[in-house]
PDB file of all heavy atoms in Angstrom:
ATOM      1  N   MET A   1      56.485  58.739 -47.982  1.00  0.00           N
ATOM      2  CA  MET A   1      55.018  58.597 -48.335  1.00  0.00           C
ATOM      3  C   MET A   1      54.660  57.035 -48.171  1.00  0.00           C
ATOM      4  O   MET A   1      53.531  56.749 -47.693  1.00  0.00           O
ATOM      5  CB  MET A   1      54.890  59.073 -49.772  1.00  0.00           C
ATOM      6  CG  MET A   1      55.101  60.499 -49.942  1.00  0.00           C
ATOM      7  SD  MET A   1      54.079  61.528 -48.808  1.00  0.00           S
ATOM      8  CE  MET A   1      55.215  62.748 -48.414  1.00  0.00           C
ATOM      9  N   THR A   2      55.596  56.087 -48.498  1.00  0.00           N
ATOM     10  CA  THR A   2      55.263  54.770 -48.412  1.00  0.00           C
ATOM     11  C   THR A   2      55.016  54.396 -46.914  1.00  0.00           C
ATOM     12  O   THR A   2      54.038  53.889 -46.639  1.00  0.00           O
ATOM     13  CB  THR A   2      56.334  53.939 -48.884  1.00  0.00           C
ATOM     14  OG1 THR A   2      56.544  54.205 -50.279  1.00  0.00           O
ATOM     15  CG2 THR A   2      56.050  52.441 -48.840  1.00  0.00           C
ATOM     16  N   THR A   3      55.923  54.929 -46.001  1.00  0.00           N
ATOM     17  CA  THR A   3      55.770  54.675 -44.599  1.00  0.00           C
ATOM     18  C   THR A   3      54.476  55.279 -43.978  1.00  0.00           C
ATOM     19  O   THR A   3      53.723  54.565 -43.260  1.00  0.00           O
ATOM     20  CB  THR A   3      56.911  55.262 -43.879  1.00  0.00           C
ATOM     21  OG1 THR A   3      58.079  54.608 -44.347  1.00  0.00           O
ATOM     22  CG2 THR A   3      56.891  54.985 -42.428  1.00  0.00           C
ATOM     23  N   GLU A   4      54.203  56.461 -44.508  1.00  0.00           N
ATOM     24  CA  GLU A   4      52.904  57.153 -43.966  1.00  0.00           C
ATOM     25  C   GLU A   4      51.671  56.386 -44.340  1.00  0.00           C
ATOM     26  O   GLU A   4      50.775  56.248 -43.634  1.00  0.00           O
ATOM     27  CB  GLU A   4      52.940  58.590 -44.442  1.00  0.00           C
ATOM     28  CG  GLU A   4      53.928  59.599 -43.949  1.00  0.00           C
ATOM     29  CD  GLU A   4      53.680  59.961 -42.463  1.00  0.00           C
ATOM     30  OE1 GLU A   4      52.549  59.811 -42.054  1.00  0.00           O
ATOM     31  OE2 GLU A   4      54.648  60.379 -41.846  1.00  0.00           O
ATOM     32  N   PHE A   5      51.700  55.966 -45.682  1.00  0.00           N
ATOM     33  CA  PHE A   5      50.586  55.191 -46.126  1.00  0.00           C
ATOM     34  C   PHE A   5      50.343  53.915 -45.350  1.00  0.00           C
ATOM     35  O   PHE A   5      49.226  53.506 -45.014  1.00  0.00           O
ATOM     36  CB  PHE A   5      50.660  55.038 -47.652  1.00  0.00           C
ATOM     37  CG  PHE A   5      49.332  54.543 -48.399  1.00  0.00           C
ATOM     38  CD1 PHE A   5      48.228  55.418 -48.582  1.00  0.00           C
ATOM     39  CD2 PHE A   5      49.213  53.134 -48.620  1.00  0.00           C
ATOM     40  CE1 PHE A   5      47.142  54.874 -49.229  1.00  0.00           C
ATOM     41  CE2 PHE A   5      48.092  52.670 -49.231  1.00  0.00           C
ATOM     42  CZ  PHE A   5      47.052  53.535 -49.440  1.00  0.00           C
ATOM     43  N   ILE A   6      51.499  53.141 -45.223  1.00  0.00           N
ATOM     44  CA  ILE A   6      51.278  51.859 -44.559  1.00  0.00           C
ATOM     45  C   ILE A   6      50.872  52.013 -43.120  1.00  0.00           C
ATOM     46  O   ILE A   6      50.064  51.265 -42.666  1.00  0.00           O
ATOM     47  CB  ILE A   6      52.687  51.148 -44.688  1.00  0.00           C
ATOM     48  CG1 ILE A   6      52.906  50.690 -46.088  1.00  0.00           C
ATOM     49  CG2 ILE A   6      52.717  49.898 -43.709  1.00  0.00           C
ATOM     50  CD1 ILE A   6      54.404  50.168 -46.304  1.00  0.00           C
ATOM     51  N   LEU A   7      51.429  52.976 -42.353  1.00  0.00           N
ATOM     52  CA  LEU A   7      51.075  53.177 -40.993  1.00  0.00           C
ATOM     53  C   LEU A   7      49.634  53.632 -40.817  1.00  0.00           C
ATOM     54  O   LEU A   7      49.007  53.504 -39.723  1.00  0.00           O
ATOM     55  CB  LEU A   7      51.931  54.347 -40.437  1.00  0.00           C
ATOM     56  CG  LEU A   7      53.332  53.788 -40.078  1.00  0.00           C
ATOM     57  CD1 LEU A   7      54.234  54.989 -39.559  1.00  0.00           C
ATOM     58  CD2 LEU A   7      53.482  52.734 -39.177  1.00  0.00           C
ATOM     59  N   GLU A   8      48.983  54.223 -41.835  1.00  0.00           N
ATOM     60  CA  GLU A   8      47.539  54.627 -41.812  1.00  0.00           C
ATOM     61  C   GLU A   8      46.562  53.630 -42.223  1.00  0.00           C
ATOM     62  O   GLU A   8      45.298  53.812 -42.241  1.00  0.00           O
ATOM     63  CB  GLU A   8      47.376  55.942 -42.605  1.00  0.00           C
ATOM     64  CG  GLU A   8      48.042  57.166 -41.941  1.00  0.00           C
ATOM     65  CD  GLU A   8      47.348  57.545 -40.734  1.00  0.00           C
ATOM     66  OE1 GLU A   8      46.041  57.501 -40.525  1.00  0.00           O
ATOM     67  OE2 GLU A   8      48.056  57.928 -39.757  1.00  0.00           O
ATOM     68  N   MET A   9      47.051  52.322 -42.692  1.00  0.00           N
ATOM     69  CA  MET A   9      46.199  51.294 -43.092  1.00  0.00           C
ATOM     70  C   MET A   9      45.289  50.847 -41.809  1.00  0.00           C
ATOM     71  O   MET A   9      45.797  50.700 -40.770  1.00  0.00           O
ATOM     72  CB  MET A   9      46.962  50.135 -43.583  1.00  0.00           C
ATOM     73  CG  MET A   9      47.491  50.418 -45.057  1.00  0.00           C
ATOM     74  SD  MET A   9      46.277  50.709 -46.370  1.00  0.00           S
ATOM     75  CE  MET A   9      45.701  49.103 -46.553  1.00  0.00           C
ATOM     76  N   ASP A  10      43.995  50.589 -42.071  1.00  0.00           N
ATOM     77  CA  ASP A  10      43.223  50.248 -41.019  1.00  0.00           C
ATOM     78  C   ASP A  10      43.399  48.744 -40.688  1.00  0.00           C
ATOM     79  O   ASP A  10      43.612  47.853 -41.587  1.00  0.00           O
ATOM     80  CB  ASP A  10      41.764  50.365 -41.397  1.00  0.00           C
ATOM     81  CG  ASP A  10      41.377  51.853 -41.717  1.00  0.00           C
ATOM     82  OD1 ASP A  10      41.866  52.685 -40.993  1.00  0.00           O
ATOM     83  OD2 ASP A  10      40.618  52.139 -42.602  1.00  0.00           O
ATOM     84  N   THR A  11      43.190  48.488 -39.392  1.00  0.00           N
ATOM     85  CA  THR A  11      43.310  46.950 -39.087  1.00  0.00           C
ATOM     86  C   THR A  11      42.047  46.237 -39.174  1.00  0.00           C
ATOM     87  O   THR A  11      42.033  45.051 -39.191  1.00  0.00           O
ATOM     88  CB  THR A  11      43.822  46.849 -37.558  1.00  0.00           C
ATOM     89  OG1 THR A  11      42.990  47.572 -36.636  1.00  0.00           O
ATOM     90  CG2 THR A  11      45.304  47.450 -37.383  1.00  0.00           C
ATOM     91  N   LYS A  12      40.998  46.890 -39.172  1.00  0.00           N
ATOM     92  CA  LYS A  12      39.588  46.410 -39.375  1.00  0.00           C
ATOM     93  C   LYS A  12      38.835  47.062 -40.357  1.00  0.00           C
ATOM     94  O   LYS A  12      38.881  48.282 -40.489  1.00  0.00           O
ATOM     95  CB  LYS A  12      38.746  46.400 -38.096  1.00  0.00           C
ATOM     96  CG  LYS A  12      37.532  45.800 -38.135  1.00  0.00           C
ATOM     97  CD  LYS A  12      36.848  45.612 -36.760  1.00  0.00           C
ATOM     98  CE  LYS A  12      35.524  44.919 -36.919  1.00  0.00           C
ATOM     99  NZ  LYS A  12      35.549  43.633 -36.274  1.00  0.00           N
ATOM    100  N   ASN A  13      38.425  46.323 -41.392  1.00  0.00           N
ATOM    101  CA  ASN A  13      37.724  46.884 -42.611  1.00  0.00           C
ATOM    102  C   ASN A  13      36.215  46.389 -42.639  1.00  0.00           C
ATOM    103  O   ASN A  13      36.084  45.241 -42.644  1.00  0.00           O
ATOM    104  CB  ASN A  13      38.341  46.525 -43.919  1.00  0.00           C
ATOM    105  CG  ASN A  13      39.814  47.135 -43.912  1.00  0.00           C
ATOM    106  OD1 ASN A  13      39.934  48.344 -43.981  1.00  0.00           O
ATOM    107  ND2 ASN A  13      40.776  46.335 -43.864  1.00  0.00           N
ATOM    108  N   LEU A  14      35.287  47.237 -42.625  1.00  0.00           N
ATOM    109  CA  LEU A  14      33.880  46.938 -42.682  1.00  0.00           C
ATOM    110  C   LEU A  14      33.309  47.421 -43.999  1.00  0.00           C
ATOM    111  O   LEU A  14      33.603  48.661 -44.362  1.00  0.00           O
ATOM    112  CB  LEU A  14      33.084  47.465 -41.415  1.00  0.00           C
ATOM    113  CG  LEU A  14      33.510  46.941 -40.149  1.00  0.00           C
ATOM    114  CD1 LEU A  14      32.713  47.653 -39.020  1.00  0.00           C
ATOM    115  CD2 LEU A  14      33.307  45.434 -40.008  1.00  0.00           C
ATOM    116  N   CYS A  15      32.396  46.792 -44.647  1.00  0.00           N
ATOM    117  CA  CYS A  15      31.819  47.263 -45.897  1.00  0.00           C
ATOM    118  C   CYS A  15      30.988  48.436 -45.593  1.00  0.00           C
ATOM    119  O   CYS A  15      30.770  49.204 -46.476  1.00  0.00           O
ATOM    120  CB  CYS A  15      31.040  46.136 -46.574  1.00  0.00           C
ATOM    121  SG  CYS A  15      29.725  45.355 -45.599  1.00  0.00           S
ATOM    122  N   ARG A  16      30.357  48.469 -44.489  1.00  0.00           N
ATOM    123  CA  ARG A  16      29.632  49.666 -44.053  1.00  0.00           C
ATOM    124  C   ARG A  16      29.623  49.734 -42.527  1.00  0.00           C
ATOM    125  O   ARG A  16      29.824  48.724 -41.862  1.00  0.00           O
ATOM    126  CB  ARG A  16      28.266  49.740 -44.560  1.00  0.00           C
ATOM    127  CG  ARG A  16      27.455  48.459 -44.147  1.00  0.00           C
ATOM    128  CD  ARG A  16      26.081  48.546 -44.820  1.00  0.00           C
ATOM    129  NE  ARG A  16      25.189  47.775 -44.093  1.00  0.00           N
ATOM    130  CZ  ARG A  16      24.246  46.862 -44.619  1.00  0.00           C
ATOM    131  NH1 ARG A  16      24.194  46.758 -45.922  1.00  0.00           N
ATOM    132  NH2 ARG A  16      23.457  46.208 -43.904  1.00  0.00           N
ATOM    133  N   GLU A  17      29.432  50.911 -42.006  1.00  0.00           N
ATOM    134  CA  GLU A  17      29.538  51.097 -40.473  1.00  0.00           C
ATOM    135  C   GLU A  17      28.511  50.162 -39.662  1.00  0.00           C
ATOM    136  O   GLU A  17      28.792  49.695 -38.653  1.00  0.00           O
ATOM    137  CB  GLU A  17      29.195  52.510 -40.059  1.00  0.00           C
ATOM    138  CG  GLU A  17      30.369  53.351 -40.267  1.00  0.00           C
ATOM    139  CD  GLU A  17      30.144  54.775 -39.809  1.00  0.00           C
ATOM    140  OE1 GLU A  17      29.646  54.988 -38.735  1.00  0.00           O
ATOM    141  OE2 GLU A  17      30.585  55.684 -40.467  1.00  0.00           O
ATOM    142  N   ASP A  18      27.322  49.901 -40.258  1.00  0.00           N
ATOM    143  CA  ASP A  18      26.334  49.133 -39.604  1.00  0.00           C
ATOM    144  C   ASP A  18      26.245  47.684 -40.111  1.00  0.00           C
ATOM    145  O   ASP A  18      25.222  47.098 -39.944  1.00  0.00           O
ATOM    146  CB  ASP A  18      24.954  49.786 -39.651  1.00  0.00           C
ATOM    147  CG  ASP A  18      24.464  49.906 -41.185  1.00  0.00           C
ATOM    148  OD1 ASP A  18      25.259  49.855 -42.069  1.00  0.00           O
ATOM    149  OD2 ASP A  18      23.203  50.055 -41.368  1.00  0.00           O
ATOM    150  N   CYS A  19      27.443  47.164 -40.524  1.00  0.00           N
ATOM    151  CA  CYS A  19      27.441  45.829 -41.000  1.00  0.00           C
ATOM    152  C   CYS A  19      27.118  44.872 -39.918  1.00  0.00           C
ATOM    153  O   CYS A  19      27.731  44.924 -38.771  1.00  0.00           O
ATOM    154  CB  CYS A  19      28.743  45.415 -41.665  1.00  0.00           C
ATOM    155  SG  CYS A  19      28.887  43.711 -42.268  1.00  0.00           S
ATOM    156  N   ARG A  20      26.182  43.920 -40.088  1.00  0.00           N
ATOM    157  CA  ARG A  20      25.668  43.087 -39.053  1.00  0.00           C
ATOM    158  C   ARG A  20      26.470  41.730 -39.041  1.00  0.00           C
ATOM    159  O   ARG A  20      26.323  40.963 -38.084  1.00  0.00           O
ATOM    160  CB  ARG A  20      24.173  42.835 -39.131  1.00  0.00           C
ATOM    161  CG  ARG A  20      23.389  44.170 -38.921  1.00  0.00           C
ATOM    162  CD  ARG A  20      21.974  44.040 -39.053  1.00  0.00           C
ATOM    163  NE  ARG A  20      21.438  43.206 -38.136  1.00  0.00           N
ATOM    164  CZ  ARG A  20      20.253  42.439 -38.236  1.00  0.00           C
ATOM    165  NH1 ARG A  20      19.557  42.572 -39.399  1.00  0.00           N
ATOM    166  NH2 ARG A  20      19.827  41.684 -37.256  1.00  0.00           N
ATOM    167  N   GLY A  21      27.173  41.453 -40.060  1.00  0.00           N
ATOM    168  CA  GLY A  21      27.960  40.188 -40.051  1.00  0.00           C
ATOM    169  C   GLY A  21      27.141  38.986 -40.451  1.00  0.00           C
ATOM    170  O   GLY A  21      26.118  38.976 -41.041  1.00  0.00           O
ATOM    171  N   ILE A  22      27.815  37.859 -40.037  1.00  0.00           N
ATOM    172  CA  ILE A  22      27.228  36.632 -40.351  1.00  0.00           C
ATOM    173  C   ILE A  22      26.896  35.922 -39.002  1.00  0.00           C
ATOM    174  O   ILE A  22      27.520  35.873 -38.126  1.00  0.00           O
ATOM    175  CB  ILE A  22      28.390  35.692 -41.046  1.00  0.00           C
ATOM    176  CG1 ILE A  22      28.420  36.293 -42.458  1.00  0.00           C
ATOM    177  CG2 ILE A  22      27.816  34.196 -41.160  1.00  0.00           C
ATOM    178  CD1 ILE A  22      29.485  35.653 -43.273  1.00  0.00           C
ATOM    179  N   CYS A  23      25.762  35.189 -38.930  1.00  0.00           N
ATOM    180  CA  CYS A  23      25.305  34.562 -37.750  1.00  0.00           C
ATOM    181  C   CYS A  23      26.205  33.330 -37.562  1.00  0.00           C
ATOM    182  O   CYS A  23      26.422  32.483 -38.411  1.00  0.00           O
ATOM    183  CB  CYS A  23      23.879  33.990 -37.915  1.00  0.00           C
ATOM    184  SG  CYS A  23      23.301  32.956 -36.569  1.00  0.00           S
ATOM    185  N   PRO A  24      26.810  33.103 -36.386  1.00  0.00           N
ATOM    186  CA  PRO A  24      27.695  32.124 -36.009  1.00  0.00           C
ATOM    187  C   PRO A  24      26.983  30.789 -35.899  1.00  0.00           C
ATOM    188  O   PRO A  24      27.611  29.769 -36.098  1.00  0.00           O
ATOM    189  CB  PRO A  24      28.365  32.436 -34.615  1.00  0.00           C
ATOM    190  CG  PRO A  24      27.393  33.414 -34.088  1.00  0.00           C
ATOM    191  CD  PRO A  24      26.752  34.068 -35.205  1.00  0.00           C
ATOM    192  N   GLY A  25      25.639  30.794 -35.770  1.00  0.00           N
ATOM    193  CA  GLY A  25      24.910  29.475 -35.706  1.00  0.00           C
ATOM    194  C   GLY A  25      24.552  28.922 -37.096  1.00  0.00           C
ATOM    195  O   GLY A  25      24.833  27.816 -37.271  1.00  0.00           O
ATOM    196  N   CYS A  26      23.789  29.736 -37.878  1.00  0.00           N
ATOM    197  CA  CYS A  26      23.282  29.289 -39.113  1.00  0.00           C
ATOM    198  C   CYS A  26      24.010  29.748 -40.346  1.00  0.00           C
ATOM    199  O   CYS A  26      23.898  29.208 -41.347  1.00  0.00           O
ATOM    200  CB  CYS A  26      21.714  29.591 -39.338  1.00  0.00           C
ATOM    201  SG  CYS A  26      21.538  31.412 -39.243  1.00  0.00           S
ATOM    202  N   GLY A  27      24.967  30.680 -40.232  1.00  0.00           N
ATOM    203  CA  GLY A  27      25.727  31.242 -41.204  1.00  0.00           C
ATOM    204  C   GLY A  27      24.952  32.138 -42.190  1.00  0.00           C
ATOM    205  O   GLY A  27      25.502  32.621 -43.239  1.00  0.00           O
ATOM    206  N   ALA A  28      23.847  32.643 -41.760  1.00  0.00           N
ATOM    207  CA  ALA A  28      23.005  33.679 -42.521  1.00  0.00           C
ATOM    208  C   ALA A  28      23.754  34.990 -42.571  1.00  0.00           C
ATOM    209  O   ALA A  28      24.290  35.441 -41.551  1.00  0.00           O
ATOM    210  CB  ALA A  28      21.654  33.883 -41.957  1.00  0.00           C
ATOM    211  N   ASP A  29      23.780  35.621 -43.700  1.00  0.00           N
ATOM    212  CA  ASP A  29      24.267  37.002 -43.795  1.00  0.00           C
ATOM    213  C   ASP A  29      23.277  38.001 -43.311  1.00  0.00           C
ATOM    214  O   ASP A  29      22.195  38.104 -43.780  1.00  0.00           O
ATOM    215  CB  ASP A  29      24.581  37.408 -45.277  1.00  0.00           C
ATOM    216  CG  ASP A  29      25.195  38.756 -45.395  1.00  0.00           C
ATOM    217  OD1 ASP A  29      25.223  39.673 -44.454  1.00  0.00           O
ATOM    218  OD2 ASP A  29      25.636  39.046 -46.552  1.00  0.00           O
ATOM    219  N   LEU A  30      23.405  38.504 -42.103  1.00  0.00           N
ATOM    220  CA  LEU A  30      22.412  39.249 -41.341  1.00  0.00           C
ATOM    221  C   LEU A  30      22.124  40.614 -41.999  1.00  0.00           C
ATOM    222  O   LEU A  30      21.171  41.237 -41.580  1.00  0.00           O
ATOM    223  CB  LEU A  30      22.879  39.502 -39.874  1.00  0.00           C
ATOM    224  CG  LEU A  30      23.007  38.106 -39.137  1.00  0.00           C
ATOM    225  CD1 LEU A  30      23.547  38.338 -37.722  1.00  0.00           C
ATOM    226  CD2 LEU A  30      21.704  37.402 -39.110  1.00  0.00           C
ATOM    227  N   ASN A  31      22.956  40.985 -42.950  1.00  0.00           N
ATOM    228  CA  ASN A  31      22.619  42.245 -43.740  1.00  0.00           C
ATOM    229  C   ASN A  31      21.495  41.994 -44.755  1.00  0.00           C
ATOM    230  O   ASN A  31      20.713  42.916 -45.173  1.00  0.00           O
ATOM    231  CB  ASN A  31      23.846  42.609 -44.515  1.00  0.00           C
ATOM    232  CG  ASN A  31      24.987  43.083 -43.428  1.00  0.00           C
ATOM    233  OD1 ASN A  31      24.646  43.862 -42.549  1.00  0.00           O
ATOM    234  ND2 ASN A  31      26.101  42.625 -43.703  1.00  0.00           N
ATOM    235  N   THR A  32      21.339  40.705 -45.192  1.00  0.00           N
ATOM    236  CA  THR A  32      20.321  40.462 -46.366  1.00  0.00           C
ATOM    237  C   THR A  32      19.290  39.495 -45.892  1.00  0.00           C
ATOM    238  O   THR A  32      18.148  39.491 -46.574  1.00  0.00           O
ATOM    239  CB  THR A  32      21.041  39.921 -47.516  1.00  0.00           C
ATOM    240  OG1 THR A  32      21.699  38.713 -47.113  1.00  0.00           O
ATOM    241  CG2 THR A  32      22.058  40.819 -48.002  1.00  0.00           C
ATOM    242  N   GLU A  33      19.457  38.757 -44.875  1.00  0.00           N
ATOM    243  CA  GLU A  33      18.393  37.794 -44.438  1.00  0.00           C
ATOM    244  C   GLU A  33      18.347  37.594 -42.965  1.00  0.00           C
ATOM    245  O   GLU A  33      19.378  37.906 -42.236  1.00  0.00           O
ATOM    246  CB  GLU A  33      18.592  36.539 -45.171  1.00  0.00           C
ATOM    247  CG  GLU A  33      19.990  35.857 -44.828  1.00  0.00           C
ATOM    248  CD  GLU A  33      20.222  34.466 -45.594  1.00  0.00           C
ATOM    249  OE1 GLU A  33      19.423  33.696 -45.611  1.00  0.00           O
ATOM    250  OE2 GLU A  33      21.330  34.443 -46.084  1.00  0.00           O
ATOM    251  N   PRO A  34      17.313  37.182 -42.314  1.00  0.00           N
ATOM    252  CA  PRO A  34      17.155  36.992 -40.971  1.00  0.00           C
ATOM    253  C   PRO A  34      17.859  35.624 -40.517  1.00  0.00           C
ATOM    254  O   PRO A  34      18.047  34.832 -41.300  1.00  0.00           O
ATOM    255  CB  PRO A  34      15.607  36.957 -40.638  1.00  0.00           C
ATOM    256  CG  PRO A  34      15.060  36.555 -41.880  1.00  0.00           C
ATOM    257  CD  PRO A  34      16.015  36.962 -43.021  1.00  0.00           C
ATOM    258  N   CYS A  35      18.191  35.683 -39.249  1.00  0.00           N
ATOM    259  CA  CYS A  35      18.832  34.507 -38.679  1.00  0.00           C
ATOM    260  C   CYS A  35      17.855  33.370 -38.677  1.00  0.00           C
ATOM    261  O   CYS A  35      16.664  33.507 -38.379  1.00  0.00           O
ATOM    262  CB  CYS A  35      19.212  34.853 -37.230  1.00  0.00           C
ATOM    263  SG  CYS A  35      19.928  33.374 -36.368  1.00  0.00           S
ATOM    264  N   LYS A  36      18.355  32.152 -39.020  1.00  0.00           N
ATOM    265  CA  LYS A  36      17.422  30.938 -39.109  1.00  0.00           C
ATOM    266  C   LYS A  36      17.516  30.004 -37.878  1.00  0.00           C
ATOM    267  O   LYS A  36      17.042  28.922 -37.793  1.00  0.00           O
ATOM    268  CB  LYS A  36      17.831  30.075 -40.312  1.00  0.00           C
ATOM    269  CG  LYS A  36      17.560  30.816 -41.640  1.00  0.00           C
ATOM    270  CD  LYS A  36      17.994  30.103 -42.877  1.00  0.00           C
ATOM    271  CE  LYS A  36      17.896  30.856 -44.043  1.00  0.00           C
ATOM    272  NZ  LYS A  36      19.193  31.448 -44.461  1.00  0.00           N
ATOM    273  N   CYS A  37      18.295  30.407 -36.912  1.00  0.00           N
ATOM    274  CA  CYS A  37      18.486  29.771 -35.683  1.00  0.00           C
ATOM    275  C   CYS A  37      17.268  29.719 -34.726  1.00  0.00           C
ATOM    276  O   CYS A  37      16.525  30.729 -34.754  1.00  0.00           O
ATOM    277  CB  CYS A  37      19.713  30.291 -34.826  1.00  0.00           C
ATOM    278  SG  CYS A  37      21.229  30.189 -35.646  1.00  0.00           S
ATOM    279  N   LYS A  38      16.939  28.562 -34.103  1.00  0.00           N
ATOM    280  CA  LYS A  38      15.950  28.630 -33.152  1.00  0.00           C
ATOM    281  C   LYS A  38      16.517  29.178 -31.824  1.00  0.00           C
ATOM    282  O   LYS A  38      17.633  28.912 -31.435  1.00  0.00           O
ATOM    283  CB  LYS A  38      15.441  27.171 -32.926  1.00  0.00           C
ATOM    284  CG  LYS A  38      14.696  26.619 -34.185  1.00  0.00           C
ATOM    285  CD  LYS A  38      14.201  25.183 -33.939  1.00  0.00           C
ATOM    286  CE  LYS A  38      13.437  24.749 -35.148  1.00  0.00           C
ATOM    287  NZ  LYS A  38      13.046  23.378 -35.058  1.00  0.00           N
ATOM    288  N   PRO A  39      15.666  29.904 -31.141  1.00  0.00           N
ATOM    289  CA  PRO A  39      16.226  30.525 -29.811  1.00  0.00           C
ATOM    290  C   PRO A  39      16.539  29.323 -28.845  1.00  0.00           C
ATOM    291  O   PRO A  39      15.765  28.335 -28.855  1.00  0.00           O
ATOM    292  CB  PRO A  39      15.086  31.330 -29.342  1.00  0.00           C
ATOM    293  CG  PRO A  39      13.910  31.055 -30.175  1.00  0.00           C
ATOM    294  CD  PRO A  39      14.376  30.332 -31.402  1.00  0.00           C
ATOM    295  N   ASP A  40      17.589  29.451 -28.187  1.00  0.00           N
ATOM    296  CA  ASP A  40      17.971  28.590 -27.154  1.00  0.00           C
ATOM    297  C   ASP A  40      17.012  28.622 -25.932  1.00  0.00           C
ATOM    298  O   ASP A  40      16.603  29.709 -25.482  1.00  0.00           O
ATOM    299  CB  ASP A  40      19.356  28.772 -26.659  1.00  0.00           C
ATOM    300  CG  ASP A  40      20.388  28.493 -27.783  1.00  0.00           C
ATOM    301  OD1 ASP A  40      20.137  27.714 -28.654  1.00  0.00           O
ATOM    302  OD2 ASP A  40      21.501  29.095 -27.654  1.00  0.00           O
ATOM    303  N   ILE A  41      16.630  27.431 -25.552  1.00  0.00           N
ATOM    304  CA  ILE A  41      15.662  27.431 -24.387  1.00  0.00           C
ATOM    305  C   ILE A  41      16.520  27.089 -23.077  1.00  0.00           C
ATOM    306  O   ILE A  41      17.416  26.279 -23.141  1.00  0.00           O
ATOM    307  CB  ILE A  41      14.613  26.352 -24.523  1.00  0.00           C
ATOM    308  CG1 ILE A  41      13.794  26.628 -25.783  1.00  0.00           C
ATOM    309  CG2 ILE A  41      13.849  26.184 -23.224  1.00  0.00           C
ATOM    310  CD1 ILE A  41      12.863  25.460 -26.228  1.00  0.00           C
ATOM    311  N   ASP A  42      16.229  27.892 -22.101  1.00  0.00           N
ATOM    312  CA  ASP A  42      16.853  27.679 -20.895  1.00  0.00           C
ATOM    313  C   ASP A  42      16.555  26.388 -20.345  1.00  0.00           C
ATOM    314  O   ASP A  42      15.413  25.884 -20.392  1.00  0.00           O
ATOM    315  CB  ASP A  42      16.378  28.789 -19.809  1.00  0.00           C
ATOM    316  CG  ASP A  42      17.085  28.754 -18.431  1.00  0.00           C
ATOM    317  OD1 ASP A  42      17.683  27.805 -18.194  1.00  0.00           O
ATOM    318  OD2 ASP A  42      17.067  29.843 -17.819  1.00  0.00           O
ATOM    319  N   PRO A  43      17.605  25.564 -20.004  1.00  0.00           N
ATOM    320  CA  PRO A  43      17.385  24.191 -19.559  1.00  0.00           C
ATOM    321  C   PRO A  43      16.545  24.013 -18.319  1.00  0.00           C
ATOM    322  O   PRO A  43      15.905  23.062 -18.282  1.00  0.00           O
ATOM    323  CB  PRO A  43      18.846  23.543 -19.267  1.00  0.00           C
ATOM    324  CG  PRO A  43      19.754  24.734 -19.364  1.00  0.00           C
ATOM    325  CD  PRO A  43      18.923  25.985 -19.986  1.00  0.00           C
ATOM    326  N   ARG A  44      16.461  25.017 -17.585  1.00  0.00           N
ATOM    327  CA  ARG A  44      15.569  25.014 -16.450  1.00  0.00           C
ATOM    328  C   ARG A  44      14.114  25.050 -16.755  1.00  0.00           C
ATOM    329  O   ARG A  44      13.197  24.663 -16.080  1.00  0.00           O
ATOM    330  CB  ARG A  44      15.863  26.157 -15.436  1.00  0.00           C
ATOM    331  CG  ARG A  44      17.286  26.101 -14.918  1.00  0.00           C
ATOM    332  CD  ARG A  44      17.661  27.333 -14.089  1.00  0.00           C
ATOM    333  NE  ARG A  44      17.610  28.408 -15.099  1.00  0.00           N
ATOM    334  CZ  ARG A  44      17.955  29.606 -14.741  1.00  0.00           C
ATOM    335  NH1 ARG A  44      18.191  29.913 -13.493  1.00  0.00           N
ATOM    336  NH2 ARG A  44      18.033  30.554 -15.685  1.00  0.00           N
TER     337      ARG A  44
END
């Protein structure tokens, strides 16, 4: 039973299926607030 339980542990755990995560730019929790980053402008 110990072996069966350990082998069935998930490698990725999400709080909910549609978790949007954290913005890598501004650090905002996208589940509760919008991103505060300004859109990147094409250098051209």
